N, C-alpha and C. Protein backbone atom coordinates (compact mmCIF):
# COMPACT_ATOMS: atom_id res chain seq x y z
N MET A 1 13.28 -47.32 9.47
CA MET A 1 12.97 -48.67 9.02
C MET A 1 11.88 -49.22 9.93
N SER A 2 10.83 -49.76 9.36
CA SER A 2 9.80 -50.44 10.13
C SER A 2 9.67 -51.85 9.57
N ASP A 3 9.61 -52.81 10.45
CA ASP A 3 9.56 -54.19 10.01
C ASP A 3 8.98 -55.03 11.12
N SER A 4 8.30 -56.14 10.74
CA SER A 4 7.74 -57.00 11.78
C SER A 4 8.82 -57.90 12.38
N LYS A 5 9.86 -58.18 11.62
CA LYS A 5 10.98 -58.95 12.14
C LYS A 5 12.24 -58.15 11.86
N LEU A 6 13.07 -58.04 12.84
CA LEU A 6 14.25 -57.21 12.72
C LEU A 6 15.50 -58.04 12.59
N SER A 7 16.50 -57.45 12.01
CA SER A 7 17.81 -58.07 11.98
C SER A 7 18.57 -57.61 13.22
N LEU A 8 18.20 -58.18 14.36
CA LEU A 8 18.83 -57.83 15.62
C LEU A 8 19.78 -58.95 16.02
N PRO A 9 20.75 -58.64 16.87
CA PRO A 9 21.65 -59.68 17.35
C PRO A 9 20.88 -60.77 18.10
N PRO A 10 21.53 -61.89 18.37
CA PRO A 10 20.84 -62.98 19.08
C PRO A 10 20.30 -62.52 20.43
N LEU A 11 19.28 -63.21 20.88
CA LEU A 11 18.57 -62.87 22.12
C LEU A 11 19.50 -62.62 23.29
N ASN A 12 20.44 -63.49 23.53
CA ASN A 12 21.27 -63.37 24.73
C ASN A 12 22.33 -62.28 24.63
N HIS A 13 22.26 -61.47 23.59
CA HIS A 13 23.22 -60.39 23.43
C HIS A 13 22.55 -59.02 23.37
N MET A 14 21.28 -58.93 23.77
CA MET A 14 20.54 -57.66 23.72
C MET A 14 20.30 -57.14 25.14
N PHE A 15 20.51 -55.85 25.34
CA PHE A 15 20.26 -55.21 26.63
C PHE A 15 19.34 -54.02 26.44
N VAL A 16 18.41 -53.83 27.36
CA VAL A 16 17.55 -52.65 27.34
C VAL A 16 18.32 -51.50 27.98
N ALA A 17 18.46 -50.41 27.24
CA ALA A 17 19.10 -49.22 27.79
C ALA A 17 18.06 -48.33 28.45
N SER A 18 16.87 -48.23 27.84
CA SER A 18 15.83 -47.38 28.43
C SER A 18 14.45 -47.79 27.92
N ILE A 19 13.47 -47.52 28.76
CA ILE A 19 12.06 -47.69 28.44
C ILE A 19 11.39 -46.39 28.85
N SER A 20 10.67 -45.75 27.91
CA SER A 20 10.05 -44.48 28.25
C SER A 20 8.81 -44.25 27.40
N GLU A 21 7.99 -43.33 27.88
CA GLU A 21 6.85 -42.86 27.10
C GLU A 21 7.24 -41.50 26.55
N VAL A 22 7.38 -41.42 25.23
CA VAL A 22 7.83 -40.18 24.60
C VAL A 22 6.71 -39.14 24.57
N SER A 23 5.49 -39.59 24.62
CA SER A 23 4.31 -38.75 24.79
C SER A 23 3.21 -39.68 25.30
N ASN A 24 2.03 -39.16 25.54
CA ASN A 24 0.97 -40.01 26.10
C ASN A 24 0.72 -41.24 25.24
N ASN A 25 0.90 -42.40 25.84
CA ASN A 25 0.61 -43.69 25.22
C ASN A 25 1.45 -43.99 23.98
N ASP A 26 2.65 -43.44 23.94
CA ASP A 26 3.64 -43.77 22.91
C ASP A 26 4.86 -44.32 23.63
N LEU A 27 5.20 -45.58 23.36
CA LEU A 27 6.26 -46.27 24.08
C LEU A 27 7.53 -46.33 23.25
N ARG A 28 8.66 -46.01 23.89
CA ARG A 28 9.96 -46.12 23.22
C ARG A 28 10.87 -47.00 24.06
N VAL A 29 11.49 -47.98 23.39
CA VAL A 29 12.47 -48.86 24.02
C VAL A 29 13.76 -48.76 23.22
N VAL A 30 14.86 -48.52 23.93
CA VAL A 30 16.17 -48.48 23.28
C VAL A 30 16.92 -49.73 23.72
N VAL A 31 17.38 -50.50 22.74
CA VAL A 31 18.13 -51.72 23.02
C VAL A 31 19.52 -51.61 22.39
N VAL A 32 20.48 -52.27 23.04
CA VAL A 32 21.86 -52.25 22.58
C VAL A 32 22.38 -53.68 22.58
N GLU A 33 23.11 -54.02 21.54
CA GLU A 33 23.70 -55.35 21.53
C GLU A 33 24.91 -55.37 22.46
N GLY A 34 25.25 -56.56 22.90
CA GLY A 34 26.44 -56.75 23.72
C GLY A 34 27.43 -57.63 22.98
N ARG A 35 28.67 -57.52 23.34
CA ARG A 35 29.72 -58.35 22.73
C ARG A 35 30.42 -59.15 23.83
N ARG A 36 30.86 -60.33 23.45
CA ARG A 36 31.60 -61.19 24.36
C ARG A 36 32.95 -60.56 24.67
N GLY A 37 33.25 -60.44 25.96
CA GLY A 37 34.52 -59.88 26.38
C GLY A 37 35.68 -60.80 26.04
N GLN A 38 36.87 -60.24 26.02
CA GLN A 38 38.08 -61.01 25.72
C GLN A 38 38.72 -61.63 26.95
N THR A 39 38.39 -61.08 28.12
CA THR A 39 39.04 -61.52 29.34
C THR A 39 38.05 -62.32 30.19
N PRO A 40 38.38 -63.58 30.47
CA PRO A 40 37.46 -64.38 31.30
C PRO A 40 37.50 -63.92 32.76
N ILE A 41 36.38 -64.17 33.43
CA ILE A 41 36.30 -63.91 34.86
C ILE A 41 35.90 -65.20 35.56
N GLU A 42 36.28 -65.30 36.82
CA GLU A 42 35.92 -66.49 37.61
C GLU A 42 34.51 -66.28 38.15
N THR A 43 33.65 -67.30 37.98
CA THR A 43 32.28 -67.25 38.51
C THR A 43 32.05 -68.48 39.38
N GLU A 44 30.88 -68.59 39.96
CA GLU A 44 30.54 -69.74 40.80
C GLU A 44 30.59 -71.06 40.04
N VAL A 45 30.41 -70.99 38.72
CA VAL A 45 30.40 -72.21 37.92
C VAL A 45 31.63 -72.35 37.03
N GLY A 46 32.62 -71.51 37.25
CA GLY A 46 33.85 -71.60 36.47
C GLY A 46 34.12 -70.31 35.69
N LEU A 47 35.07 -70.40 34.76
CA LEU A 47 35.43 -69.24 33.96
C LEU A 47 34.29 -68.87 33.00
N ALA A 48 34.09 -67.57 32.83
CA ALA A 48 33.05 -67.08 31.91
C ALA A 48 33.57 -65.82 31.23
N PHE A 49 33.03 -65.55 30.05
CA PHE A 49 33.37 -64.35 29.30
C PHE A 49 32.15 -63.42 29.34
N PRO A 50 32.23 -62.32 30.10
CA PRO A 50 31.08 -61.42 30.20
C PRO A 50 30.68 -60.85 28.84
N VAL A 51 29.38 -60.68 28.66
CA VAL A 51 28.83 -60.04 27.46
C VAL A 51 28.39 -58.65 27.89
N LYS A 52 28.95 -57.62 27.26
CA LYS A 52 28.65 -56.24 27.62
C LYS A 52 28.54 -55.38 26.37
N PRO A 53 27.73 -54.32 26.46
CA PRO A 53 27.72 -53.33 25.38
C PRO A 53 28.99 -52.48 25.44
N ASP A 54 29.44 -52.03 24.27
CA ASP A 54 30.54 -51.06 24.21
C ASP A 54 30.32 -50.17 22.99
N GLU A 55 31.22 -49.23 22.78
CA GLU A 55 31.02 -48.25 21.71
C GLU A 55 31.03 -48.84 20.31
N THR A 56 31.40 -50.11 20.14
CA THR A 56 31.37 -50.74 18.82
C THR A 56 30.03 -51.44 18.56
N CYS A 57 29.14 -51.44 19.53
CA CYS A 57 27.87 -52.16 19.42
C CYS A 57 26.79 -51.33 18.72
N ARG A 58 25.86 -52.04 18.11
CA ARG A 58 24.72 -51.39 17.47
C ARG A 58 23.66 -51.09 18.51
N ALA A 59 22.89 -50.05 18.26
CA ALA A 59 21.77 -49.68 19.13
C ALA A 59 20.54 -49.44 18.28
N PHE A 60 19.37 -49.76 18.85
CA PHE A 60 18.11 -49.61 18.12
C PHE A 60 17.09 -48.90 18.99
N MET A 61 16.35 -47.98 18.40
CA MET A 61 15.25 -47.31 19.06
C MET A 61 13.96 -47.87 18.46
N ILE A 62 13.13 -48.47 19.31
CA ILE A 62 11.89 -49.10 18.87
C ILE A 62 10.74 -48.29 19.49
N THR A 63 9.85 -47.76 18.64
CA THR A 63 8.77 -46.91 19.13
C THR A 63 7.43 -47.45 18.67
N TRP A 64 6.54 -47.65 19.65
CA TRP A 64 5.14 -47.99 19.36
C TRP A 64 4.31 -46.73 19.57
N TRP A 65 3.70 -46.23 18.50
CA TRP A 65 2.84 -45.06 18.61
C TRP A 65 1.44 -45.53 18.97
N ASP A 66 0.89 -44.97 20.02
CA ASP A 66 -0.49 -45.24 20.44
C ASP A 66 -0.71 -46.71 20.78
N TYR A 67 0.10 -47.24 21.71
CA TYR A 67 -0.06 -48.62 22.16
C TYR A 67 -1.35 -48.76 22.96
N VAL A 68 -1.83 -49.99 23.09
CA VAL A 68 -3.00 -50.28 23.92
C VAL A 68 -2.54 -50.68 25.33
N ALA A 69 -1.53 -51.53 25.41
CA ALA A 69 -1.02 -51.99 26.71
C ALA A 69 0.41 -52.48 26.52
N TYR A 70 1.17 -52.41 27.63
CA TYR A 70 2.49 -53.03 27.61
C TYR A 70 2.82 -53.53 29.01
N ALA A 71 3.71 -54.51 29.06
CA ALA A 71 4.17 -55.06 30.33
C ALA A 71 5.65 -55.39 30.20
N VAL A 72 6.35 -55.28 31.32
CA VAL A 72 7.77 -55.61 31.36
C VAL A 72 7.95 -56.70 32.41
N ARG A 73 8.60 -57.79 32.02
CA ARG A 73 8.88 -58.89 32.94
C ARG A 73 10.37 -59.07 33.11
N ASN A 74 10.76 -59.51 34.28
CA ASN A 74 12.13 -59.94 34.55
C ASN A 74 12.32 -61.24 33.77
N GLU A 75 13.32 -61.30 32.90
CA GLU A 75 13.47 -62.50 32.06
C GLU A 75 13.76 -63.75 32.86
N SER A 76 14.18 -63.61 34.10
CA SER A 76 14.44 -64.78 34.94
C SER A 76 13.16 -65.59 35.19
N TYR A 77 12.00 -64.92 35.07
CA TYR A 77 10.72 -65.58 35.33
C TYR A 77 9.95 -65.89 34.06
N PHE A 78 10.59 -65.74 32.91
CA PHE A 78 9.95 -65.99 31.62
C PHE A 78 9.50 -67.45 31.50
N ARG A 79 8.29 -67.63 31.03
CA ARG A 79 7.79 -68.97 30.71
C ARG A 79 7.19 -68.91 29.32
N ARG A 80 7.67 -69.78 28.46
CA ARG A 80 7.19 -69.82 27.07
C ARG A 80 5.77 -70.40 27.04
N GLU A 81 4.91 -69.75 26.27
CA GLU A 81 3.56 -70.26 26.06
C GLU A 81 3.60 -71.42 25.08
N GLU A 82 2.65 -72.33 25.20
CA GLU A 82 2.54 -73.42 24.25
C GLU A 82 2.32 -72.82 22.86
N GLY A 83 3.10 -73.28 21.89
CA GLY A 83 2.98 -72.78 20.53
C GLY A 83 3.76 -71.51 20.25
N GLU A 84 4.37 -70.93 21.29
CA GLU A 84 5.15 -69.71 21.08
C GLU A 84 6.42 -70.07 20.31
N PRO A 85 6.77 -69.26 19.31
CA PRO A 85 7.97 -69.58 18.52
C PRO A 85 9.24 -69.49 19.35
N ASP A 86 10.30 -70.12 18.84
CA ASP A 86 11.59 -70.01 19.50
C ASP A 86 11.96 -68.55 19.62
N TYR A 87 12.92 -68.30 20.46
CA TYR A 87 13.32 -66.94 20.76
C TYR A 87 13.66 -66.15 19.50
N GLU A 88 13.02 -65.01 19.36
CA GLU A 88 13.38 -64.01 18.37
C GLU A 88 13.53 -62.72 19.17
N PRO A 89 14.49 -61.90 18.82
CA PRO A 89 14.61 -60.65 19.59
C PRO A 89 13.31 -59.83 19.56
N LEU A 90 12.65 -59.75 18.40
CA LEU A 90 11.38 -59.06 18.30
C LEU A 90 10.48 -59.86 17.39
N GLY A 91 9.34 -60.26 17.90
CA GLY A 91 8.41 -61.03 17.11
C GLY A 91 7.00 -60.51 17.31
N VAL A 92 6.12 -60.92 16.42
CA VAL A 92 4.72 -60.48 16.50
C VAL A 92 3.84 -61.71 16.48
N ARG A 93 2.76 -61.65 17.28
CA ARG A 93 1.83 -62.78 17.38
C ARG A 93 0.41 -62.26 17.29
N SER A 94 -0.46 -63.08 16.73
CA SER A 94 -1.88 -62.71 16.65
C SER A 94 -2.70 -63.42 17.70
N GLU A 95 -2.08 -64.33 18.46
CA GLU A 95 -2.78 -65.06 19.53
C GLU A 95 -1.79 -65.26 20.67
N SER A 96 -2.19 -64.86 21.89
CA SER A 96 -1.32 -65.04 23.05
C SER A 96 -2.12 -64.80 24.32
N ALA A 97 -1.55 -65.23 25.44
CA ALA A 97 -2.18 -64.97 26.74
C ALA A 97 -2.25 -63.46 27.00
N PHE A 98 -1.24 -62.71 26.58
CA PHE A 98 -1.25 -61.27 26.81
C PHE A 98 -2.37 -60.60 25.99
N LEU A 99 -2.57 -61.03 24.76
CA LEU A 99 -3.68 -60.49 23.96
C LEU A 99 -5.02 -60.82 24.60
N ARG A 100 -5.16 -62.03 25.15
CA ARG A 100 -6.42 -62.39 25.82
C ARG A 100 -6.63 -61.53 27.06
N TYR A 101 -5.57 -61.29 27.81
CA TYR A 101 -5.64 -60.42 28.99
C TYR A 101 -6.12 -59.02 28.58
N VAL A 102 -5.53 -58.47 27.55
CA VAL A 102 -5.90 -57.13 27.09
C VAL A 102 -7.35 -57.11 26.63
N ALA A 103 -7.78 -58.16 25.94
CA ALA A 103 -9.18 -58.22 25.47
C ALA A 103 -10.16 -58.27 26.64
N GLN A 104 -9.77 -58.93 27.73
CA GLN A 104 -10.65 -59.06 28.89
C GLN A 104 -10.63 -57.84 29.81
N THR A 105 -9.61 -57.00 29.71
CA THR A 105 -9.49 -55.89 30.66
C THR A 105 -9.57 -54.50 30.01
N THR A 106 -9.79 -54.46 28.70
CA THR A 106 -9.96 -53.18 28.00
C THR A 106 -11.09 -53.34 26.99
N PHE A 107 -11.52 -52.23 26.40
CA PHE A 107 -12.51 -52.33 25.34
C PHE A 107 -11.85 -52.27 23.95
N ALA A 108 -10.52 -52.32 23.91
CA ALA A 108 -9.81 -52.35 22.63
C ALA A 108 -10.17 -53.63 21.89
N SER A 109 -10.31 -53.52 20.59
CA SER A 109 -10.68 -54.68 19.77
C SER A 109 -10.15 -54.48 18.35
N ASP A 110 -10.35 -55.48 17.53
CA ASP A 110 -9.95 -55.36 16.14
C ASP A 110 -10.77 -54.30 15.40
N ASP A 111 -11.96 -53.98 15.95
CA ASP A 111 -12.77 -52.91 15.36
C ASP A 111 -12.24 -51.53 15.76
N TYR A 112 -11.85 -51.40 17.02
CA TYR A 112 -11.29 -50.14 17.50
C TYR A 112 -10.21 -50.41 18.55
N PRO A 113 -9.01 -50.02 18.33
CA PRO A 113 -8.53 -49.06 17.34
C PRO A 113 -8.16 -49.68 15.99
N GLY A 114 -8.26 -51.00 15.87
CA GLY A 114 -7.92 -51.71 14.64
C GLY A 114 -7.36 -53.06 15.00
N PRO A 115 -7.03 -53.87 14.01
CA PRO A 115 -6.49 -55.21 14.29
C PRO A 115 -5.31 -55.15 15.26
N LEU A 116 -5.45 -55.88 16.37
CA LEU A 116 -4.44 -55.85 17.42
C LEU A 116 -3.41 -56.96 17.22
N ALA A 117 -2.18 -56.64 17.58
CA ALA A 117 -1.09 -57.61 17.53
C ALA A 117 -0.30 -57.52 18.82
N HIS A 118 0.29 -58.63 19.20
CA HIS A 118 1.15 -58.71 20.39
C HIS A 118 2.59 -58.73 19.91
N TRP A 119 3.31 -57.69 20.23
CA TRP A 119 4.73 -57.60 19.92
C TRP A 119 5.51 -58.01 21.15
N ALA A 120 6.46 -58.91 21.00
CA ALA A 120 7.27 -59.40 22.12
C ALA A 120 8.74 -59.11 21.83
N LEU A 121 9.37 -58.41 22.77
CA LEU A 121 10.78 -58.06 22.66
C LEU A 121 11.51 -58.78 23.79
N TYR A 122 12.44 -59.68 23.44
CA TYR A 122 13.16 -60.47 24.43
C TYR A 122 14.62 -60.02 24.48
N THR A 123 15.08 -59.68 25.68
CA THR A 123 16.46 -59.22 25.84
C THR A 123 17.11 -59.97 26.99
N GLU A 124 18.34 -59.62 27.27
CA GLU A 124 19.11 -60.31 28.30
C GLU A 124 18.43 -60.28 29.67
N TRP A 125 17.86 -59.16 30.07
CA TRP A 125 17.29 -59.02 31.40
C TRP A 125 15.78 -58.79 31.41
N HIS A 126 15.18 -58.49 30.25
CA HIS A 126 13.77 -58.10 30.20
C HIS A 126 13.02 -58.80 29.08
N CYS A 127 11.73 -59.03 29.33
CA CYS A 127 10.78 -59.46 28.31
C CYS A 127 9.73 -58.36 28.26
N ILE A 128 9.57 -57.72 27.12
CA ILE A 128 8.64 -56.60 26.99
C ILE A 128 7.55 -57.01 26.02
N ASP A 129 6.30 -56.93 26.49
CA ASP A 129 5.13 -57.28 25.69
C ASP A 129 4.35 -56.02 25.39
N VAL A 130 3.99 -55.82 24.13
CA VAL A 130 3.25 -54.64 23.72
C VAL A 130 2.09 -55.07 22.84
N VAL A 131 0.89 -54.56 23.14
CA VAL A 131 -0.26 -54.75 22.25
C VAL A 131 -0.54 -53.43 21.58
N SER A 132 -0.62 -53.47 20.27
CA SER A 132 -0.85 -52.27 19.48
C SER A 132 -1.51 -52.65 18.16
N SER A 133 -2.20 -51.68 17.58
CA SER A 133 -2.76 -51.90 16.24
C SER A 133 -1.81 -51.37 15.17
N ILE A 134 -0.69 -50.81 15.62
CA ILE A 134 0.30 -50.22 14.71
C ILE A 134 1.65 -50.89 14.95
N ALA A 135 2.30 -51.33 13.89
CA ALA A 135 3.63 -51.92 14.01
C ALA A 135 4.61 -50.88 14.53
N PRO A 136 5.62 -51.31 15.29
CA PRO A 136 6.58 -50.34 15.81
C PRO A 136 7.47 -49.79 14.71
N GLU A 137 7.97 -48.59 14.95
CA GLU A 137 9.01 -48.02 14.10
C GLU A 137 10.34 -48.42 14.71
N VAL A 138 11.26 -48.87 13.88
CA VAL A 138 12.56 -49.31 14.37
C VAL A 138 13.64 -48.53 13.64
N GLU A 139 14.52 -47.94 14.42
CA GLU A 139 15.58 -47.13 13.85
C GLU A 139 16.90 -47.48 14.52
N GLU A 140 17.92 -47.77 13.70
CA GLU A 140 19.24 -47.96 14.26
C GLU A 140 19.81 -46.59 14.59
N ILE A 141 20.35 -46.45 15.81
CA ILE A 141 20.90 -45.16 16.24
C ILE A 141 22.36 -45.35 16.62
N PRO A 142 23.15 -44.29 16.57
CA PRO A 142 24.55 -44.40 16.99
C PRO A 142 24.65 -44.73 18.48
N TYR A 143 25.58 -45.58 18.83
CA TYR A 143 25.77 -45.95 20.23
C TYR A 143 25.99 -44.72 21.09
N ALA A 144 26.66 -43.71 20.56
CA ALA A 144 26.96 -42.49 21.32
C ALA A 144 25.69 -41.76 21.74
N GLU A 145 24.56 -42.01 21.07
CA GLU A 145 23.30 -41.34 21.40
C GLU A 145 22.49 -42.08 22.47
N VAL A 146 22.96 -43.24 22.88
CA VAL A 146 22.21 -44.04 23.85
C VAL A 146 22.30 -43.39 25.22
N VAL A 147 21.14 -43.19 25.85
CA VAL A 147 21.07 -42.69 27.22
C VAL A 147 20.63 -43.87 28.07
N TRP A 148 21.44 -44.25 29.03
CA TRP A 148 21.17 -45.43 29.84
C TRP A 148 20.21 -45.07 30.97
N GLY A 149 18.92 -45.23 30.70
CA GLY A 149 17.88 -44.92 31.68
C GLY A 149 17.71 -45.99 32.73
N LEU A 150 18.29 -47.16 32.53
CA LEU A 150 18.18 -48.27 33.49
C LEU A 150 19.47 -48.45 34.26
N GLY A 151 20.23 -47.41 34.43
CA GLY A 151 21.51 -47.51 35.11
C GLY A 151 22.61 -47.73 34.10
N GLU A 152 23.81 -47.51 34.52
CA GLU A 152 24.96 -47.67 33.61
C GLU A 152 24.96 -49.05 32.99
N ARG A 153 25.01 -49.07 31.68
CA ARG A 153 25.05 -50.31 30.90
C ARG A 153 23.80 -51.18 31.10
N GLY A 154 22.70 -50.58 31.54
CA GLY A 154 21.45 -51.32 31.67
C GLY A 154 21.55 -52.54 32.53
N GLY A 155 22.45 -52.51 33.49
CA GLY A 155 22.63 -53.68 34.35
C GLY A 155 23.61 -54.68 33.75
N ALA A 156 24.16 -54.33 32.57
CA ALA A 156 25.08 -55.25 31.89
C ALA A 156 26.50 -55.09 32.37
N GLY A 157 26.79 -54.04 33.11
CA GLY A 157 28.17 -53.76 33.50
C GLY A 157 28.45 -54.27 34.83
């Protein structure tokens, strides 16, 4: 399934399991939804219900073939750009600071390799920005096939 907008769980329930280059300049991100736990835990601000992935959760493999650039940010430092839409797990933009950065630091353009778009993937711990002339391929995969490249439970455990 390839789509510009995905039917993914809400932003605060997505975890990155892995980020990798499957071949030269081909980016793959595996994300897993998390579910609210049944047992509260005591935190500095009171009782909370941890959100964690488990074997009942959906997982998605998102692949950008032949990307131009990508960046990964710690979501704790995320700042919304003026005019940026409300949080979507995966959205596409035709104008952004990241697209301007790529235009100023590469020779990629709408002429070559083709019309560029900024894909933004927002998860619990990461903000991933990708510029590509090709929309990502998105495939739901079985949770059992998820390999946690960012540590057990992607930092969610």
